[in-house]
Amino acid sequence: MKLVRYGKPGKEKPGVIDAKGKLRDCSHIVPDFVGEHLAHKHLKKIAKALKNDDLKAVSGTPRIGACVGRPVNFIAVGLNYADHAAESNMPIPSEPILFNKAPNCIVGPNDDIVIPKGAQKCDWEVELGVVIGKAASYISEDEAMDHVAGFCLANDVSEREFQLERGGNWMKGKSAPTFGPLGPWLVTPDEVRDPQDLGMWLEVNGERMQTGSTRTMIFGVRKIVSYISQFMRLEPGDVIITGTPPGVGAGRKPPRFLAAGDTMRLGVDGLGEQACRVVAYGAE
């Protein structure tokens, strides 16, 4: 299934995209795609209602919000593509590099991206997102997919000066408001043929910047979910973004960064597309 959240920011309702591409409401089954409502038992009820044509069609073209709401944790994996590590002149990590993004930086797939106050080096990163559906603590790689509600498209928007030149953890270059577009859909695992064989791309102002594949991930989805669970309890609704292929602005020669007025388009096979406009701080 392709699960969506639609409506005005902060007032999103849960829906699903049917076989004909029509948005249907499922708020009588779950109030929102958050936390425990992403458990497999709830998703099975939605799938049954969709199959039986028991979900009301949504009229018009409402805003599409982030495909998951209010995660407890928003976790990212750094340098997880061999070709991206090479363009960054950094060694292949021996274990996953983890950092946090602030959960309140999450926005919808077509919402504006706001350049933070004082920022000079805003950058893009197309990524595969993983959403947890069942709490995970000390799980094995073989168990990992039992804890995944689905996959989504993500853009790990980053401010490189804040991230790399100001000391401390990467989090402060990753967490500004709007730096976490997710969606348009949360796609359940049964519709993702192989999360380790998905093409991905990103364009800025119509120019292709990133072209890659999850095949070059150093640590795959099963490893990442299991690994993180050894250090913290993953909660239902938590989001993990799993790294980016080469082509980020900081890796170009000369480097290129986002400016107000730019537009980004990006996609991952089977997970839809995003289209975001970049705006200056204070102009949003």
Protein backbone atom coordinates (compact mmCIF):
# COMPACT_ATOMS: atom_id res chain seq x y z
CA MET A 1 0.00 0.00 0.00
CA LYS A 2 0.89 3.64 -0.45
CA LEU A 3 -0.06 5.41 2.77
CA VAL A 4 -0.34 9.20 2.87
CA ARG A 5 -1.19 12.01 5.25
CA TYR A 6 -3.10 14.88 3.73
CA GLY A 7 -4.44 18.27 4.80
CA LYS A 8 -3.14 21.48 6.32
CA PRO A 9 0.06 21.36 8.42
CA GLY A 10 -0.69 20.01 11.87
CA LYS A 11 -4.15 18.82 10.83
CA GLU A 12 -3.26 15.96 8.48
CA LYS A 13 -5.54 12.96 8.09
CA PRO A 14 -4.50 9.42 7.11
CA GLY A 15 -5.22 8.14 3.62
CA VAL A 16 -4.17 5.54 1.08
CA ILE A 17 -3.64 5.66 -2.67
CA ASP A 18 -5.76 3.10 -4.51
CA ALA A 19 -4.82 1.12 -7.63
CA LYS A 20 -6.09 3.94 -9.87
CA GLY A 21 -4.05 6.60 -8.07
CA LYS A 22 -7.04 8.01 -6.17
CA LEU A 23 -6.63 9.25 -2.59
CA ARG A 24 -8.96 7.54 -0.13
CA ASP A 25 -9.58 8.39 3.50
CA CYS A 26 -8.95 5.83 6.25
CA SER A 27 -9.37 8.02 9.34
CA HIS A 28 -12.21 5.77 10.61
CA ILE A 29 -9.62 2.99 10.99
CA VAL A 30 -6.70 4.95 12.45
CA PRO A 31 -6.66 8.61 13.55
CA ASP A 32 -3.26 9.25 11.99
CA PHE A 33 -0.13 7.45 10.82
CA VAL A 34 1.75 7.97 14.07
CA GLY A 35 3.23 5.69 16.71
CA GLU A 36 1.30 2.53 17.48
CA HIS A 37 -1.16 3.18 14.65
CA LEU A 38 1.55 1.99 12.26
CA ALA A 39 1.44 -1.51 13.73
CA HIS A 40 0.88 -4.35 11.26
CA LYS A 41 -2.57 -5.12 12.68
CA HIS A 42 -3.81 -1.64 11.77
CA LEU A 43 -2.23 -1.73 8.32
CA LYS A 44 -3.93 -5.08 7.67
CA LYS A 45 -7.31 -3.51 8.49
CA ILE A 46 -6.61 -0.69 6.01
CA ALA A 47 -5.55 -3.18 3.33
CA LYS A 48 -8.76 -5.17 3.82
CA ALA A 49 -10.92 -2.04 3.64
CA LEU A 50 -9.10 -0.93 0.48
CA LYS A 51 -9.62 -4.34 -1.13
CA ASN A 52 -13.32 -4.26 -0.23
CA ASP A 53 -13.72 -0.72 -1.58
CA ASP A 54 -14.77 0.52 1.86
CA LEU A 55 -12.66 3.70 1.87
CA LYS A 56 -14.21 7.00 0.84
CA ALA A 57 -12.56 8.90 -2.00
CA VAL A 58 -11.12 12.32 -1.10
CA SER A 59 -12.24 15.16 -3.35
CA GLY A 60 -10.00 17.90 -4.70
CA THR A 61 -6.22 18.05 -4.46
CA PRO A 62 -5.32 18.54 -0.80
CA ARG A 63 -1.80 19.23 0.39
CA ILE A 64 0.21 16.07 1.01
CA GLY A 65 1.98 16.12 4.34
CA ALA A 66 4.88 14.08 5.67
CA CYS A 67 3.95 10.40 5.41
CA VAL A 68 4.48 9.83 9.15
CA GLY A 69 3.64 12.17 11.99
CA ARG A 70 5.44 13.02 15.23
CA PRO A 71 8.18 10.35 15.44
CA VAL A 72 9.91 9.98 18.78
CA ASN A 73 13.27 9.56 17.02
CA PHE A 74 14.55 10.79 13.65
CA ILE A 75 17.85 8.99 13.03
CA ALA A 76 20.24 9.31 10.11
CA VAL A 77 23.15 7.23 8.86
CA GLY A 78 26.20 9.10 7.56
CA LEU A 79 28.64 8.07 4.81
CA ASN A 80 26.64 4.94 4.06
CA TYR A 81 27.30 4.86 0.30
CA ALA A 82 30.73 3.80 -0.86
CA ASP A 83 30.69 6.23 -3.80
CA HIS A 84 29.58 9.14 -1.58
CA ALA A 85 32.33 8.40 0.95
CA ALA A 86 34.81 8.53 -1.93
CA GLU A 87 33.59 11.94 -3.15
CA SER A 88 33.81 13.19 0.45
CA ASN A 89 37.43 11.96 0.74
CA MET A 90 36.49 9.97 3.83
CA PRO A 91 37.29 6.34 4.63
CA ILE A 92 34.64 3.61 4.44
CA PRO A 93 33.25 3.34 7.98
CA SER A 94 33.67 0.03 9.78
CA GLU A 95 30.36 0.53 11.61
CA PRO A 96 27.33 2.70 10.78
CA ILE A 97 27.81 6.38 11.59
CA LEU A 98 24.67 7.56 13.39
CA PHE A 99 23.39 11.04 14.15
CA ASN A 100 20.04 12.61 14.98
CA LYS A 101 17.86 15.04 13.12
CA ALA A 102 15.33 16.98 15.18
CA PRO A 103 11.92 15.34 14.68
CA ASN A 104 10.29 18.76 14.32
CA CYS A 105 12.28 19.46 11.14
CA ILE A 106 9.98 17.06 9.26
CA VAL A 107 7.75 18.61 6.58
CA GLY A 108 5.74 17.47 3.60
CA PRO A 109 7.25 16.40 0.27
CA ASN A 110 6.29 19.61 -1.54
CA ASP A 111 6.63 22.13 1.28
CA ASP A 112 9.13 24.99 1.10
CA ILE A 113 12.69 24.48 2.38
CA VAL A 114 13.79 27.45 4.49
CA ILE A 115 17.45 28.50 4.52
CA PRO A 116 18.30 29.00 8.23
CA LYS A 117 19.39 32.34 9.62
CA GLY A 118 23.13 32.82 8.95
CA ALA A 119 23.41 29.79 6.66
CA GLN A 120 25.85 29.82 3.75
CA LYS A 121 26.19 26.19 2.65
CA CYS A 122 22.79 24.50 2.39
CA ASP A 123 22.96 21.17 0.59
CA TRP A 124 20.78 18.30 -0.60
CA GLU A 125 20.79 14.52 -0.04
CA VAL A 126 18.27 12.13 -1.60
CA GLU A 127 17.78 9.16 0.73
CA LEU A 128 15.79 6.00 1.38
CA GLY A 129 13.75 6.35 4.58
CA VAL A 130 12.67 3.47 6.83
CA VAL A 131 9.70 3.83 9.19
CA ILE A 132 9.42 1.58 12.23
CA GLY A 133 6.09 -0.15 12.88
CA LYS A 134 6.93 -2.26 15.92
CA ALA A 135 9.23 -1.44 18.84
CA ALA A 136 12.72 -2.85 18.37
CA SER A 137 15.36 -3.51 21.01
CA TYR A 138 18.32 -5.87 20.59
CA ILE A 139 16.88 -7.47 17.46
CA SER A 140 18.81 -9.51 14.91
CA GLU A 141 19.15 -8.72 11.22
CA ASP A 142 16.82 -11.62 10.46
CA GLU A 143 14.15 -10.00 12.64
CA ALA A 144 14.60 -6.47 11.32
CA MET A 145 11.93 -6.44 8.60
CA ASP A 146 9.30 -7.64 11.10
CA HIS A 147 9.71 -4.22 12.74
CA VAL A 148 9.44 -2.09 9.57
CA ALA A 149 6.12 -0.46 8.65
CA GLY A 150 7.39 0.79 5.31
CA PHE A 151 9.75 2.86 3.20
CA CYS A 152 9.66 6.46 2.03
CA LEU A 153 11.55 9.07 0.06
CA ALA A 154 13.55 11.55 2.15
CA ASN A 155 15.77 14.58 1.59
CA ASP A 156 18.41 15.01 4.30
CA VAL A 157 18.73 18.77 3.82
CA SER A 158 21.99 19.91 5.43
CA GLU A 159 23.89 23.09 6.25
CA ARG A 160 27.53 22.11 5.76
CA GLU A 161 29.15 24.94 7.71
CA PHE A 162 26.98 24.21 10.73
CA GLN A 163 27.59 20.48 10.28
CA LEU A 164 31.34 20.36 9.61
CA GLU A 165 32.96 23.66 10.55
CA ARG A 166 31.38 24.56 13.87
CA GLY A 167 32.56 21.59 15.97
CA GLY A 168 30.56 18.98 17.83
CA ASN A 169 27.91 16.66 16.45
CA TRP A 170 26.52 16.80 12.89
CA MET A 171 23.03 17.30 14.31
CA LYS A 172 23.19 21.09 14.29
CA GLY A 173 23.71 21.14 10.53
CA LYS A 174 20.82 18.74 9.98
CA SER A 175 17.94 19.91 12.16
CA ALA A 176 16.75 23.35 11.06
CA PRO A 177 13.00 23.69 10.50
CA THR A 178 11.99 22.14 7.13
CA PHE A 179 15.24 20.13 6.83
CA GLY A 180 13.38 16.78 6.78
CA PRO A 181 10.92 16.42 3.87
CA LEU A 182 9.35 12.95 3.90
CA GLY A 183 7.00 11.29 1.42
CA PRO A 184 4.81 11.57 -0.54
CA TRP A 185 4.01 7.99 0.46
CA LEU A 186 4.86 5.46 3.11
CA VAL A 187 5.09 2.31 0.98
CA THR A 188 4.56 -0.98 2.77
CA PRO A 189 7.30 -3.62 2.37
CA ASP A 190 5.18 -5.90 0.19
CA GLU A 191 5.34 -3.27 -2.59
CA VAL A 192 9.12 -2.74 -2.38
CA ARG A 193 10.71 -5.55 -4.38
CA ASP A 194 14.19 -5.09 -2.91
CA PRO A 195 15.21 -2.10 -0.76
CA GLN A 196 18.84 -2.81 -1.73
CA ASP A 197 18.17 -2.31 -5.45
CA LEU A 198 16.37 1.01 -5.83
CA GLY A 199 17.39 3.77 -8.21
CA MET A 200 17.46 7.30 -6.83
CA TRP A 201 18.01 10.79 -8.22
CA LEU A 202 17.88 14.50 -7.39
CA GLU A 203 17.75 17.64 -9.55
CA VAL A 204 18.29 21.31 -8.71
CA ASN A 205 16.62 23.75 -11.11
CA GLY A 206 16.21 20.92 -13.59
CA GLU A 207 19.90 19.94 -13.55
CA ARG A 208 20.68 16.40 -12.46
CA MET A 209 22.90 16.38 -9.38
CA GLN A 210 22.53 12.89 -7.95
CA THR A 211 22.05 9.60 -9.73
CA GLY A 212 22.57 6.50 -7.65
CA SER A 213 21.26 3.24 -6.30
CA THR A 214 20.77 1.65 -2.92
CA ARG A 215 23.00 -1.14 -4.28
CA THR A 216 26.04 0.92 -3.20
CA MET A 217 24.91 1.18 0.43
CA ILE A 218 27.65 -0.02 2.76
CA PHE A 219 25.21 -1.18 5.43
CA GLY A 220 21.81 -2.40 4.23
CA VAL A 221 18.41 -1.81 5.79
CA ARG A 222 18.39 -5.00 7.86
CA LYS A 223 21.84 -4.24 9.28
CA ILE A 224 20.96 -0.63 10.08
CA VAL A 225 17.71 -1.42 11.92
CA SER A 226 19.34 -4.22 13.89
CA TYR A 227 22.46 -2.14 14.64
CA ILE A 228 20.55 0.88 15.96
CA SER A 229 18.43 -1.38 18.16
CA GLN A 230 21.58 -2.47 20.03
CA PHE A 231 22.02 1.08 21.37
CA MET A 232 18.49 2.42 21.78
CA ARG A 233 14.87 1.31 21.67
CA LEU A 234 13.29 2.09 18.34
CA GLU A 235 9.65 3.11 18.76
CA PRO A 236 6.73 2.72 16.34
CA GLY A 237 6.71 5.70 14.00
CA ASP A 238 10.44 6.36 14.29
CA VAL A 239 12.17 7.36 11.07
CA ILE A 240 15.60 6.22 9.90
CA ILE A 241 17.18 7.75 6.80
CA THR A 242 19.93 5.59 5.41
CA GLY A 243 22.50 7.74 3.59
CA THR A 244 22.94 9.34 0.18
CA PRO A 245 24.71 8.53 -3.09
CA PRO A 246 27.29 10.89 -4.64
CA GLY A 247 26.44 14.25 -6.15
CA VAL A 248 25.87 16.45 -3.12
CA GLY A 249 26.69 20.14 -3.49
CA ALA A 250 29.68 20.00 -1.13
CA GLY A 251 31.27 17.29 -3.30
CA ARG A 252 31.12 19.26 -6.56
CA LYS A 253 34.12 21.12 -7.96
CA PRO A 254 33.63 23.93 -7.20
CA PRO A 255 31.09 23.30 -4.44
CA ARG A 256 27.52 24.40 -5.12
CA PHE A 257 24.94 25.21 -2.50
CA LEU A 258 21.26 26.05 -2.42
CA ALA A 259 19.98 29.62 -2.75
CA ALA A 260 16.57 31.21 -2.36
CA GLY A 261 14.56 30.62 -5.51
CA ASP A 262 16.08 27.22 -6.27
CA THR A 263 13.81 24.21 -6.74
CA MET A 264 14.65 20.61 -5.91
CA ARG A 265 13.05 17.52 -7.44
CA LEU A 266 13.99 14.06 -6.27
CA GLY A 267 12.78 10.50 -6.30
CA VAL A 268 13.42 6.87 -5.40
CA ASP A 269 12.05 3.97 -7.45
CA GLY A 270 8.54 3.08 -6.29
CA LEU A 271 8.49 5.71 -3.53
CA GLY A 272 7.29 8.74 -5.49
CA GLU A 273 8.79 12.19 -6.00
CA GLN A 274 9.27 15.42 -4.08
CA ALA A 275 9.32 18.97 -5.43
CA CYS A 276 10.45 21.67 -2.99
CA ARG A 277 11.11 25.39 -3.39
CA VAL A 278 13.95 27.00 -1.44
CA VAL A 279 13.13 30.25 0.38
CA ALA A 280 15.15 32.67 2.48
CA TYR A 281 14.79 32.84 6.26
CA GLY A 282 12.10 35.37 7.11
CA ALA A 283 10.52 35.20 3.65
CA GLU A 284 8.45 32.07 4.23
